[in-house]
Amino acid sequence: MSSTKYVNIARNLVQKHKFFQLTASWCPDCRYTNNIWKTFNVQNKIQSLEIAPMDRIEADNYREAFSIVAGGIRNLPTVFVNGKYWCTEKELHSWESNGTLKQEFEKVGLL
């Protein structure tokens, strides 16, 4: 599959789902993020593309495609809301530390 096809798939996925994340089960930051979703009981609202079972080339192609869609952000997880990049675990950690996580979730309709 060409890189253009991966970018098109990535764009379609983030536009199709109000809440979307690129994730990998081997990624500690992804596990942290998934635990945050569970803590707030919103895990069923988040659609995910799990790249862990993919071969390395395919996973890298998806990571690059989602990085393009996210404006250069290449972290795992990468979270999109309403078709646009919203956050990575960095922002979630910051919001959690600042005590604003619930408010941030409310702003985007997760809560």
PDB file of N, CA and C in Angstrom:
ATOM      1  N   MET A   1       0.847  -1.169   0.000  1.00  0.00           N
ATOM      2  CA  MET A   1       0.000   0.000   0.000  1.00  0.00           C
ATOM      3  C   MET A   1       0.895   1.237   0.000  1.00  0.00           C
ATOM      4  N   SER A   2       0.561   2.219  -0.796  1.00  0.00           N
ATOM      5  CA  SER A   2       1.379   3.431  -0.863  1.00  0.00           C
ATOM      6  C   SER A   2       1.145   4.296   0.368  1.00  0.00           C
ATOM      7  N   SER A   3       2.094   5.192   0.618  1.00  0.00           N
ATOM      8  CA  SER A   3       1.957   6.076   1.783  1.00  0.00           C
ATOM      9  C   SER A   3       0.710   6.950   1.666  1.00  0.00           C
ATOM     10  N   THR A   4       0.340   7.325   0.442  1.00  0.00           N
ATOM     11  CA  THR A   4      -0.879   8.111   0.239  1.00  0.00           C
ATOM     12  C   THR A   4      -2.102   7.334   0.702  1.00  0.00           C
ATOM     13  N   LYS A   5      -2.114   6.041   0.435  1.00  0.00           N
ATOM     14  CA  LYS A   5      -3.248   5.222   0.874  1.00  0.00           C
ATOM     15  C   LYS A   5      -3.321   5.163   2.392  1.00  0.00           C
ATOM     16  N   TYR A   6      -2.174   5.051   3.067  1.00  0.00           N
ATOM     17  CA  TYR A   6      -2.171   5.034   4.533  1.00  0.00           C
ATOM     18  C   TYR A   6      -2.668   6.366   5.091  1.00  0.00           C
ATOM     19  N   VAL A   7      -2.243   7.457   4.496  1.00  0.00           N
ATOM     20  CA  VAL A   7      -2.699   8.779   4.944  1.00  0.00           C
ATOM     21  C   VAL A   7      -4.203   8.908   4.734  1.00  0.00           C
ATOM     22  N   ASN A   8      -4.701   8.436   3.605  1.00  0.00           N
ATOM     23  CA  ASN A   8      -6.144   8.483   3.352  1.00  0.00           C
ATOM     24  C   ASN A   8      -6.910   7.645   4.365  1.00  0.00           C
ATOM     25  N   ILE A   9      -6.395   6.473   4.694  1.00  0.00           N
ATOM     26  CA  ILE A   9      -7.032   5.629   5.707  1.00  0.00           C
ATOM     27  C   ILE A   9      -7.034   6.353   7.049  1.00  0.00           C
ATOM     28  N   ALA A  10      -5.899   6.929   7.422  1.00  0.00           N
ATOM     29  CA  ALA A  10      -5.803   7.652   8.695  1.00  0.00           C
ATOM     30  C   ALA A  10      -6.804   8.804   8.738  1.00  0.00           C
ATOM     31  N   ARG A  11      -6.864   9.588   7.687  1.00  0.00           N
ATOM     32  CA  ARG A  11      -7.813  10.715   7.642  1.00  0.00           C
ATOM     33  C   ARG A  11      -9.246  10.227   7.766  1.00  0.00           C
ATOM     34  N   ASN A  12      -9.561   9.162   7.035  1.00  0.00           N
ATOM     35  CA  ASN A  12     -10.919   8.615   7.090  1.00  0.00           C
ATOM     36  C   ASN A  12     -11.271   8.139   8.490  1.00  0.00           C
ATOM     37  N   LEU A  13     -10.343   7.472   9.156  1.00  0.00           N
ATOM     38  CA  LEU A  13     -10.620   6.966  10.504  1.00  0.00           C
ATOM     39  C   LEU A  13     -10.853   8.097  11.501  1.00  0.00           C
ATOM     40  N   VAL A  14     -10.017   9.128  11.469  1.00  0.00           N
ATOM     41  CA  VAL A  14     -10.195  10.208  12.448  1.00  0.00           C
ATOM     42  C   VAL A  14     -11.426  11.051  12.140  1.00  0.00           C
ATOM     43  N   GLN A  15     -11.844  11.101  10.883  1.00  0.00           N
ATOM     44  CA  GLN A  15     -13.052  11.847  10.537  1.00  0.00           C
ATOM     45  C   GLN A  15     -14.316  11.041  10.827  1.00  0.00           C
ATOM     46  N   LYS A  16     -14.206   9.737  10.713  1.00  0.00           N
ATOM     47  CA  LYS A  16     -15.365   8.853  10.905  1.00  0.00           C
ATOM     48  C   LYS A  16     -15.755   8.724  12.372  1.00  0.00           C
ATOM     49  N   HIS A  17     -14.781   8.791  13.267  1.00  0.00           N
ATOM     50  CA  HIS A  17     -15.017   8.559  14.690  1.00  0.00           C
ATOM     51  C   HIS A  17     -14.775   9.847  15.472  1.00  0.00           C
ATOM     52  N   LYS A  18     -15.744  10.227  16.294  1.00  0.00           N
ATOM     53  CA  LYS A  18     -15.602  11.450  17.096  1.00  0.00           C
ATOM     54  C   LYS A  18     -14.345  11.396  17.960  1.00  0.00           C
ATOM     55  N   PHE A  19     -14.090  10.239  18.578  1.00  0.00           N
ATOM     56  CA  PHE A  19     -12.913  10.047  19.427  1.00  0.00           C
ATOM     57  C   PHE A  19     -12.114   8.878  18.872  1.00  0.00           C
ATOM     58  N   PHE A  20     -10.867   9.128  18.546  1.00  0.00           N
ATOM     59  CA  PHE A  20     -10.051   8.094  17.907  1.00  0.00           C
ATOM     60  C   PHE A  20      -8.627   8.169  18.440  1.00  0.00           C
ATOM     61  N   GLN A  21      -7.997   6.997  18.594  1.00  0.00           N
ATOM     62  CA  GLN A  21      -6.590   6.988  18.991  1.00  0.00           C
ATOM     63  C   GLN A  21      -5.815   5.924  18.236  1.00  0.00           C
ATOM     64  N   LEU A  22      -4.580   6.262  17.934  1.00  0.00           N
ATOM     65  CA  LEU A  22      -3.602   5.303  17.433  1.00  0.00           C
ATOM     66  C   LEU A  22      -2.879   4.781  18.658  1.00  0.00           C
ATOM     67  N   THR A  23      -2.801   3.461  18.805  1.00  0.00           N
ATOM     68  CA  THR A  23      -2.294   2.871  20.036  1.00  0.00           C
ATOM     69  C   THR A  23      -1.543   1.580  19.755  1.00  0.00           C
ATOM     70  N   ALA A  24      -0.796   1.123  20.756  1.00  0.00           N
ATOM     71  CA  ALA A  24      -0.099  -0.163  20.680  1.00  0.00           C
ATOM     72  C   ALA A  24      -0.067  -0.768  22.079  1.00  0.00           C
ATOM     73  N   SER A  25      -0.404  -2.035  22.183  1.00  0.00           N
ATOM     74  CA  SER A  25      -0.481  -2.685  23.499  1.00  0.00           C
ATOM     75  C   SER A  25       0.879  -2.757  24.194  1.00  0.00           C
ATOM     76  N   TRP A  26       1.976  -2.720  23.447  1.00  0.00           N
ATOM     77  CA  TRP A  26       3.314  -2.770  24.042  1.00  0.00           C
ATOM     78  C   TRP A  26       3.768  -1.410  24.579  1.00  0.00           C
ATOM     79  N   CYS A  27       3.021  -0.379  24.308  1.00  0.00           N
ATOM     80  CA  CYS A  27       3.405   1.000  24.633  1.00  0.00           C
ATOM     81  C   CYS A  27       2.937   1.381  26.044  1.00  0.00           C
ATOM     82  N   PRO A  28       3.867   1.698  26.964  1.00  0.00           N
ATOM     83  CA  PRO A  28       3.464   2.080  28.326  1.00  0.00           C
ATOM     84  C   PRO A  28       2.578   3.329  28.368  1.00  0.00           C
ATOM     85  N   ASP A  29       2.856   4.303  27.506  1.00  0.00           N
ATOM     86  CA  ASP A  29       2.032   5.513  27.477  1.00  0.00           C
ATOM     87  C   ASP A  29       0.615   5.206  27.002  1.00  0.00           C
ATOM     88  N   CYS A  30       0.490   4.244  26.093  1.00  0.00           N
ATOM     89  CA  CYS A  30      -0.833   3.820  25.627  1.00  0.00           C
ATOM     90  C   CYS A  30      -1.593   3.122  26.749  1.00  0.00           C
ATOM     91  N   ARG A  31      -0.892   2.293  27.522  1.00  0.00           N
ATOM     92  CA  ARG A  31      -1.543   1.625  28.659  1.00  0.00           C
ATOM     93  C   ARG A  31      -2.009   2.660  29.682  1.00  0.00           C
ATOM     94  N   TYR A  32      -1.186   3.661  29.940  1.00  0.00           N
ATOM     95  CA  TYR A  32      -1.584   4.754  30.842  1.00  0.00           C
ATOM     96  C   TYR A  32      -2.856   5.424  30.321  1.00  0.00           C
ATOM     97  N   THR A  33      -2.859   5.771  29.043  1.00  0.00           N
ATOM     98  CA  THR A  33      -4.004   6.455  28.445  1.00  0.00           C
ATOM     99  C   THR A  33      -5.254   5.588  28.513  1.00  0.00           C
ATOM    100  N   ASN A  34      -5.115   4.310  28.197  1.00  0.00           N
ATOM    101  CA  ASN A  34      -6.273   3.412  28.267  1.00  0.00           C
ATOM    102  C   ASN A  34      -6.791   3.288  29.695  1.00  0.00           C
ATOM    103  N   ASN A  35      -5.899   3.346  30.676  1.00  0.00           N
ATOM    104  CA  ASN A  35      -6.341   3.331  32.078  1.00  0.00           C
ATOM    105  C   ASN A  35      -7.091   4.610  32.441  1.00  0.00           C
ATOM    106  N   ILE A  36      -6.675   5.734  31.871  1.00  0.00           N
ATOM    107  CA  ILE A  36      -7.411   6.992  32.081  1.00  0.00           C
ATOM    108  C   ILE A  36      -8.825   6.856  31.523  1.00  0.00           C
ATOM    109  N   TRP A  37      -8.946   6.308  30.311  1.00  0.00           N
ATOM    110  CA  TRP A  37     -10.284   6.116  29.725  1.00  0.00           C
ATOM    111  C   TRP A  37     -11.147   5.258  30.654  1.00  0.00           C
ATOM    112  N   LYS A  38     -10.557   4.184  31.184  1.00  0.00           N
ATOM    113  CA  LYS A  38     -11.302   3.289  32.086  1.00  0.00           C
ATOM    114  C   LYS A  38     -11.684   3.992  33.382  1.00  0.00           C
ATOM    115  N   THR A  39     -10.780   4.786  33.932  1.00  0.00           N
ATOM    116  CA  THR A  39     -11.063   5.512  35.171  1.00  0.00           C
ATOM    117  C   THR A  39     -12.290   6.400  35.017  1.00  0.00           C
ATOM    118  N   PHE A  40     -12.419   7.030  33.865  1.00  0.00           N
ATOM    119  CA  PHE A  40     -13.547   7.923  33.600  1.00  0.00           C
ATOM    120  C   PHE A  40     -14.703   7.213  32.888  1.00  0.00           C
ATOM    121  N   ASN A  41     -14.559   5.898  32.707  1.00  0.00           N
ATOM    122  CA  ASN A  41     -15.586   5.068  32.076  1.00  0.00           C
ATOM    123  C   ASN A  41     -15.981   5.594  30.689  1.00  0.00           C
ATOM    124  N   VAL A  42     -14.973   5.991  29.913  1.00  0.00           N
ATOM    125  CA  VAL A  42     -15.226   6.482  28.557  1.00  0.00           C
ATOM    126  C   VAL A  42     -14.556   5.603  27.499  1.00  0.00           C
ATOM    127  N   GLN A  43     -13.983   4.471  27.920  1.00  0.00           N
ATOM    128  CA  GLN A  43     -13.236   3.618  26.992  1.00  0.00           C
ATOM    129  C   GLN A  43     -14.086   3.170  25.803  1.00  0.00           C
ATOM    130  N   ASN A  44     -15.396   3.034  25.985  1.00  0.00           N
ATOM    131  CA  ASN A  44     -16.255   2.601  24.879  1.00  0.00           C
ATOM    132  C   ASN A  44     -16.514   3.713  23.867  1.00  0.00           C
ATOM    133  N   LYS A  45     -16.184   4.941  24.218  1.00  0.00           N
ATOM    134  CA  LYS A  45     -16.347   6.063  23.287  1.00  0.00           C
ATOM    135  C   LYS A  45     -15.147   6.217  22.360  1.00  0.00           C
ATOM    136  N   ILE A  46     -14.012   5.643  22.739  1.00  0.00           N
ATOM    137  CA  ILE A  46     -12.766   5.825  21.997  1.00  0.00           C
ATOM    138  C   ILE A  46     -12.588   4.675  21.009  1.00  0.00           C
ATOM    139  N   GLN A  47     -12.545   4.990  19.741  1.00  0.00           N
ATOM    140  CA  GLN A  47     -12.216   3.997  18.717  1.00  0.00           C
ATOM    141  C   GLN A  47     -10.699   3.996  18.553  1.00  0.00           C
ATOM    142  N   SER A  48     -10.132   2.818  18.370  1.00  0.00           N
ATOM    143  CA  SER A  48      -8.670   2.714  18.303  1.00  0.00           C
ATOM    144  C   SER A  48      -8.212   1.904  17.106  1.00  0.00           C
ATOM    145  N   LEU A  49      -7.031   2.237  16.643  1.00  0.00           N
ATOM    146  CA  LEU A  49      -6.308   1.381  15.709  1.00  0.00           C
ATOM    147  C   LEU A  49      -5.102   0.862  16.472  1.00  0.00           C
ATOM    148  N   GLU A  50      -5.088  -0.438  16.709  1.00  0.00           N
ATOM    149  CA  GLU A  50      -4.030  -1.120  17.455  1.00  0.00           C
ATOM    150  C   GLU A  50      -2.972  -1.582  16.461  1.00  0.00           C
ATOM    151  N   ILE A  51      -1.760  -1.037  16.584  1.00  0.00           N
ATOM    152  CA  ILE A  51      -0.715  -1.389  15.620  1.00  0.00           C
ATOM    153  C   ILE A  51       0.194  -2.517  16.098  1.00  0.00           C
ATOM    154  N   ALA A  52       0.049  -2.953  17.342  1.00  0.00           N
ATOM    155  CA  ALA A  52       0.943  -3.996  17.873  1.00  0.00           C
ATOM    156  C   ALA A  52       0.949  -5.283  17.044  1.00  0.00           C
ATOM    157  N   PRO A  53      -0.205  -5.786  16.592  1.00  0.00           N
ATOM    158  CA  PRO A  53      -0.163  -7.046  15.846  1.00  0.00           C
ATOM    159  C   PRO A  53       0.319  -6.912  14.393  1.00  0.00           C
ATOM    160  N   MET A  54       0.514  -5.703  13.934  1.00  0.00           N
ATOM    161  CA  MET A  54       0.938  -5.487  12.547  1.00  0.00           C
ATOM    162  C   MET A  54       2.425  -5.779  12.405  1.00  0.00           C
ATOM    163  N   ASP A  55       2.835  -6.115  11.164  1.00  0.00           N
ATOM    164  CA  ASP A  55       4.278  -6.233  10.949  1.00  0.00           C
ATOM    165  C   ASP A  55       4.882  -4.828  11.013  1.00  0.00           C
ATOM    166  N   ARG A  56       6.177  -4.782  11.222  1.00  0.00           N
ATOM    167  CA  ARG A  56       6.856  -3.505  11.478  1.00  0.00           C
ATOM    168  C   ARG A  56       6.658  -2.493  10.348  1.00  0.00           C
ATOM    169  N   ILE A  57       6.714  -2.929   9.119  1.00  0.00           N
ATOM    170  CA  ILE A  57       6.570  -2.005   7.985  1.00  0.00           C
ATOM    171  C   ILE A  57       5.180  -1.385   7.977  1.00  0.00           C
ATOM    172  N   GLU A  58       4.159  -2.221   8.157  1.00  0.00           N
ATOM    173  CA  GLU A  58       2.791  -1.699   8.164  1.00  0.00           C
ATOM    174  C   GLU A  58       2.575  -0.758   9.352  1.00  0.00           C
ATOM    175  N   ALA A  59       3.050  -1.157  10.528  1.00  0.00           N
ATOM    176  CA  ALA A  59       2.906  -0.304  11.716  1.00  0.00           C
ATOM    177  C   ALA A  59       3.610   1.037  11.504  1.00  0.00           C
ATOM    178  N   ASP A  60       4.811   1.015  10.947  1.00  0.00           N
ATOM    179  CA  ASP A  60       5.540   2.262  10.669  1.00  0.00           C
ATOM    180  C   ASP A  60       4.805   3.130   9.653  1.00  0.00           C
ATOM    181  N   ASN A  61       4.214   2.492   8.643  1.00  0.00           N
ATOM    182  CA  ASN A  61       3.437   3.249   7.655  1.00  0.00           C
ATOM    183  C   ASN A  61       2.248   3.946   8.311  1.00  0.00           C
ATOM    184  N   TYR A  62       1.563   3.245   9.212  1.00  0.00           N
ATOM    185  CA  TYR A  62       0.441   3.863   9.922  1.00  0.00           C
ATOM    186  C   TYR A  62       0.922   4.975  10.848  1.00  0.00           C
ATOM    187  N   ARG A  63       2.026   4.747  11.547  1.00  0.00           N
ATOM    188  CA  ARG A  63       2.540   5.789  12.443  1.00  0.00           C
ATOM    189  C   ARG A  63       2.885   7.048  11.653  1.00  0.00           C
ATOM    190  N   GLU A  64       3.521   6.876  10.511  1.00  0.00           N
ATOM    191  CA  GLU A  64       3.868   8.026   9.673  1.00  0.00           C
ATOM    192  C   GLU A  64       2.609   8.714   9.150  1.00  0.00           C
ATOM    193  N   ALA A  65       1.636   7.937   8.715  1.00  0.00           N
ATOM    194  CA  ALA A  65       0.389   8.506   8.186  1.00  0.00           C
ATOM    195  C   ALA A  65      -0.347   9.312   9.255  1.00  0.00           C
ATOM    196  N   PHE A  66      -0.461   8.756  10.456  1.00  0.00           N
ATOM    197  CA  PHE A  66      -1.147   9.478  11.527  1.00  0.00           C
ATOM    198  C   PHE A  66      -0.341  10.690  11.975  1.00  0.00           C
ATOM    199  N   SER A  67       0.971  10.628  11.874  1.00  0.00           N
ATOM    200  CA  SER A  67       1.803  11.782  12.173  1.00  0.00           C
ATOM    201  C   SER A  67       1.498  12.918  11.204  1.00  0.00           C
ATOM    202  N   ILE A  68       1.329  12.593   9.951  1.00  0.00           N
ATOM    203  CA  ILE A  68       0.977  13.601   8.940  1.00  0.00           C
ATOM    204  C   ILE A  68      -0.377  14.217   9.271  1.00  0.00           C
ATOM    205  N   VAL A  69      -1.351  13.374   9.592  1.00  0.00           N
ATOM    206  CA  VAL A  69      -2.699  13.852   9.916  1.00  0.00           C
ATOM    207  C   VAL A  69      -2.680  14.706  11.187  1.00  0.00           C
ATOM    208  N   ALA A  70      -1.787  14.376  12.124  1.00  0.00           N
ATOM    209  CA  ALA A  70      -1.699  15.106  13.400  1.00  0.00           C
ATOM    210  C   ALA A  70      -0.774  16.318  13.325  1.00  0.00           C
ATOM    211  N   GLY A  71      -0.309  16.662  12.149  1.00  0.00           N
ATOM    212  CA  GLY A  71       0.542  17.843  12.012  1.00  0.00           C
ATOM    213  C   GLY A  71       1.962  17.646  12.502  1.00  0.00           C
ATOM    214  N   GLY A  72       2.458  16.403  12.419  1.00  0.00           N
ATOM    215  CA  GLY A  72       3.842  16.127  12.785  1.00  0.00           C
ATOM    216  C   GLY A  72       4.020  15.436  14.125  1.00  0.00           C
ATOM    217  N   ILE A  73       2.963  15.287  14.891  1.00  0.00           N
ATOM    218  CA  ILE A  73       3.036  14.584  16.179  1.00  0.00           C
ATOM    219  C   ILE A  73       3.166  13.094  15.898  1.00  0.00           C
ATOM    220  N   ARG A  74       4.192  12.448  16.481  1.00  0.00           N
ATOM    221  CA  ARG A  74       4.418  11.031  16.203  1.00  0.00           C
ATOM    222  C   ARG A  74       4.327  10.169  17.465  1.00  0.00           C
ATOM    223  N   ASN A  75       3.896  10.720  18.561  1.00  0.00           N
ATOM    224  CA  ASN A  75       3.797   9.961  19.807  1.00  0.00           C
ATOM    225  C   ASN A  75       2.741   8.864  19.723  1.00  0.00           C
ATOM    226  N   LEU A  76       2.955   7.845  20.525  1.00  0.00           N
ATOM    227  CA  LEU A  76       1.907   6.870  20.805  1.00  0.00           C
ATOM    228  C   LEU A  76       1.537   7.056  22.260  1.00  0.00           C
ATOM    229  N   PRO A  77       0.277   7.141  22.577  1.00  0.00           N
ATOM    230  CA  PRO A  77      -0.851   7.195  21.665  1.00  0.00           C
ATOM    231  C   PRO A  77      -1.006   8.602  21.082  1.00  0.00           C
ATOM    232  N   THR A  78      -1.692   8.671  19.979  1.00  0.00           N
ATOM    233  CA  THR A  78      -2.098   9.942  19.409  1.00  0.00           C
ATOM    234  C   THR A  78      -3.616   9.937  19.413  1.00  0.00           C
ATOM    235  N   VAL A  79      -4.208  10.948  20.044  1.00  0.00           N
ATOM    236  CA  VAL A  79      -5.660  10.998  20.213  1.00  0.00           C
ATOM    237  C   VAL A  79      -6.223  12.141  19.373  1.00  0.00           C
ATOM    238  N   PHE A  80      -7.302  11.828  18.675  1.00  0.00           N
ATOM    239  CA  PHE A  80      -7.988  12.792  17.818  1.00  0.00           C
ATOM    240  C   PHE A  80      -9.416  12.969  18.314  1.00  0.00           C
ATOM    241  N   VAL A  81      -9.914  14.196  18.211  1.00  0.00           N
ATOM    242  CA  VAL A  81     -11.301  14.488  18.550  1.00  0.00           C
ATOM    243  C   VAL A  81     -11.883  15.302  17.405  1.00  0.00           C
ATOM    244  N   ASN A  82     -13.048  14.881  16.942  1.00  0.00           N
ATOM    245  CA  ASN A  82     -13.736  15.578  15.849  1.00  0.00           C
ATOM    246  C   ASN A  82     -12.835  15.768  14.631  1.00  0.00           C
ATOM    247  N   GLY A  83     -12.059  14.729  14.310  1.00  0.00           N
ATOM    248  CA  GLY A  83     -11.237  14.747  13.111  1.00  0.00           C
ATOM    249  C   GLY A  83      -9.930  15.506  13.218  1.00  0.00           C
ATOM    250  N   LYS A  84      -9.603  16.005  14.426  1.00  0.00           N
ATOM    251  CA  LYS A  84      -8.385  16.792  14.593  1.00  0.00           C
ATOM    252  C   LYS A  84      -7.550  16.244  15.739  1.00  0.00           C
ATOM    253  N   TYR A  85      -6.246  16.441  15.630  1.00  0.00           N
ATOM    254  CA  TYR A  85      -5.349  16.062  16.721  1.00  0.00           C
ATOM    255  C   TYR A  85      -5.801  16.758  17.995  1.00  0.00           C
ATOM    256  N   TRP A  86      -5.845  15.989  19.103  1.00  0.00           N
ATOM    257  CA  TRP A  86      -6.247  16.554  20.391  1.00  0.00           C
ATOM    258  C   TRP A  86      -5.137  16.450  21.431  1.00  0.00           C
ATOM    259  N   CYS A  87      -4.554  15.250  21.580  1.00  0.00           N
ATOM    260  CA  CYS A  87      -3.553  15.109  22.629  1.00  0.00           C
ATOM    261  C   CYS A  87      -2.747  13.820  22.482  1.00  0.00           C
ATOM    262  N   THR A  88      -1.700  13.755  23.303  1.00  0.00           N
ATOM    263  CA  THR A  88      -0.963  12.519  23.546  1.00  0.00           C
ATOM    264  C   THR A  88      -1.001  12.311  25.056  1.00  0.00           C
ATOM    265  N   GLU A  89      -0.258  11.332  25.528  1.00  0.00           N
ATOM    266  CA  GLU A  89      -0.210  11.097  26.976  1.00  0.00           C
ATOM    267  C   GLU A  89       0.377  12.301  27.710  1.00  0.00           C
ATOM    268  N   LYS A  90       1.212  13.096  27.020  1.00  0.00           N
ATOM    269  CA  LYS A  90       1.814  14.276  27.663  1.00  0.00           C
ATOM    270  C   LYS A  90       0.745  15.228  28.179  1.00  0.00           C
ATOM    271  N   GLU A  91      -0.214  15.528  27.326  1.00  0.00           N
ATOM    272  CA  GLU A  91      -1.292  16.428  27.737  1.00  0.00           C
ATOM    273  C   GLU A  91      -2.141  15.785  28.831  1.00  0.00           C
ATOM    274  N   LEU A  92      -2.417  14.489  28.690  1.00  0.00           N
ATOM    275  CA  LEU A  92      -3.212  13.810  29.723  1.00  0.00           C
ATOM    276  C   LEU A  92      -2.511  13.875  31.076  1.00  0.00           C
ATOM    277  N   HIS A  93      -1.192  13.628  31.090  1.00  0.00           N
ATOM    278  CA  HIS A  93      -0.424  13.740  32.337  1.00  0.00           C
ATOM    279  C   HIS A  93      -0.510  15.162  32.895  1.00  0.00           C
ATOM    280  N   SER A  94      -0.352  16.141  32.034  1.00  0.00           N
ATOM    281  CA  SER A  94      -0.393  17.541  32.457  1.00  0.00           C
ATOM    282  C   SER A  94      -1.762  17.887  33.036  1.00  0.00           C
ATOM    283  N   TRP A  95      -2.823  17.516  32.322  1.00  0.00           N
ATOM    284  CA  TRP A  95      -4.172  17.800  32.807  1.00  0.00           C
ATOM    285  C   TRP A  95      -4.453  17.077  34.120  1.00  0.00           C
ATOM    286  N   GLU A  96      -3.950  15.857  34.223  1.00  0.00           N
ATOM    287  CA  GLU A  96      -4.140  15.101  35.461  1.00  0.00           C
ATOM    288  C   GLU A  96      -3.403  15.794  36.616  1.00  0.00           C
ATOM    289  N   SER A  97      -2.164  16.214  36.374  1.00  0.00           N
ATOM    290  CA  SER A  97      -1.369  16.902  37.405  1.00  0.00           C
ATOM    291  C   SER A  97      -1.997  18.225  37.823  1.00  0.00           C
ATOM    292  N   ASN A  98      -2.570  18.933  36.850  1.00  0.00           N
ATOM    293  CA  ASN A  98      -3.182  20.238  37.117  1.00  0.00           C
ATOM    294  C   ASN A  98      -4.588  20.129  37.691  1.00  0.00           C
ATOM    295  N   GLY A  99      -5.139  18.918  37.710  1.00  0.00           N
ATOM    296  CA  GLY A  99      -6.505  18.740  38.189  1.00  0.00           C
ATOM    297  C   GLY A  99      -7.557  19.187  37.200  1.00  0.00           C
ATOM    298  N   THR A 100      -7.189  19.268  35.901  1.00  0.00           N
ATOM    299  CA  THR A 100      -8.136  19.760  34.890  1.00  0.00           C
ATOM    300  C   THR A 100      -8.586  18.674  33.912  1.00  0.00           C
ATOM    301  N   LEU A 101      -8.242  17.427  34.188  1.00  0.00           N
ATOM    302  CA  LEU A 101      -8.552  16.342  33.254  1.00  0.00           C
ATOM    303  C   LEU A 101     -10.053  16.236  32.992  1.00  0.00           C
ATOM    304  N   LYS A 102     -10.849  16.255  34.046  1.00  0.00           N
ATOM    305  CA  LYS A 102     -12.305  16.153  33.882  1.00  0.00           C
ATOM    306  C   LYS A 102     -12.838  17.306  33.029  1.00  0.00           C
ATOM    307  N   GLN A 103     -12.357  18.516  33.277  1.00  0.00           N
ATOM    308  CA  GLN A 103     -12.809  19.670  32.499  1.00  0.00           C
ATOM    309  C   GLN A 103     -12.431  19.536  31.027  1.00  0.00           C
ATOM    310  N   GLU A 104     -11.225  19.036  30.761  1.00  0.00           N
ATOM    311  CA  GLU A 104     -10.802  18.845  29.369  1.00  0.00           C
ATOM    312  C   GLU A 104     -11.691  17.818  28.679  1.00  0.00           C
ATOM    313  N   PHE A 105     -12.052  16.754  29.394  1.00  0.00           N
ATOM    314  CA  PHE A 105     -12.951  15.740  28.837  1.00  0.00           C
ATOM    315  C   PHE A 105     -14.330  16.341  28.572  1.00  0.00           C
ATOM    316  N   GLU A 106     -14.793  17.178  29.477  1.00  0.00           N
ATOM    317  CA  GLU A 106     -16.104  17.817  29.295  1.00  0.00           C
ATOM    318  C   GLU A 106     -16.099  18.754  28.093  1.00  0.00           C
ATOM    319  N   LYS A 107     -15.006  19.489  27.894  1.00  0.00           N
ATOM    320  CA  LYS A 107     -14.904  20.429  26.767  1.00  0.00           C
ATOM    321  C   LYS A 107     -15.134  19.750  25.426  1.00  0.00           C
ATOM    322  N   VAL A 108     -14.630  18.501  25.300  1.00  0.00           N
ATOM    323  CA  VAL A 108     -14.731  17.816  24.004  1.00  0.00           C
ATOM    324  C   VAL A 108     -15.892  16.826  23.950  1.00  0.00           C
ATOM    325  N   GLY A 109     -16.654  16.731  25.043  1.00  0.00           N
ATOM    326  CA  GLY A 109     -17.818  15.852  25.041  1.00  0.00           C
ATOM    327  C   GLY A 109     -17.557  14.415  25.438  1.00  0.00           C
ATOM    328  N   LEU A 110     -16.385  14.132  25.994  1.00  0.00           N
ATOM    329  CA  LEU A 110     -16.136  12.774  26.492  1.00  0.00           C
ATOM    330  C   LEU A 110     -16.971  12.502  27.734  1.00  0.00           C
ATOM    331  N   LEU A 111     -17.215  13.537  28.519  1.00  0.00           N
ATOM    332  CA  LEU A 111     -18.056  13.429  29.725  1.00  0.00           C
ATOM    333  C   LEU A 111     -19.259  14.336  29.580  1.00  0.00           C
TER     334      LEU A 111
END
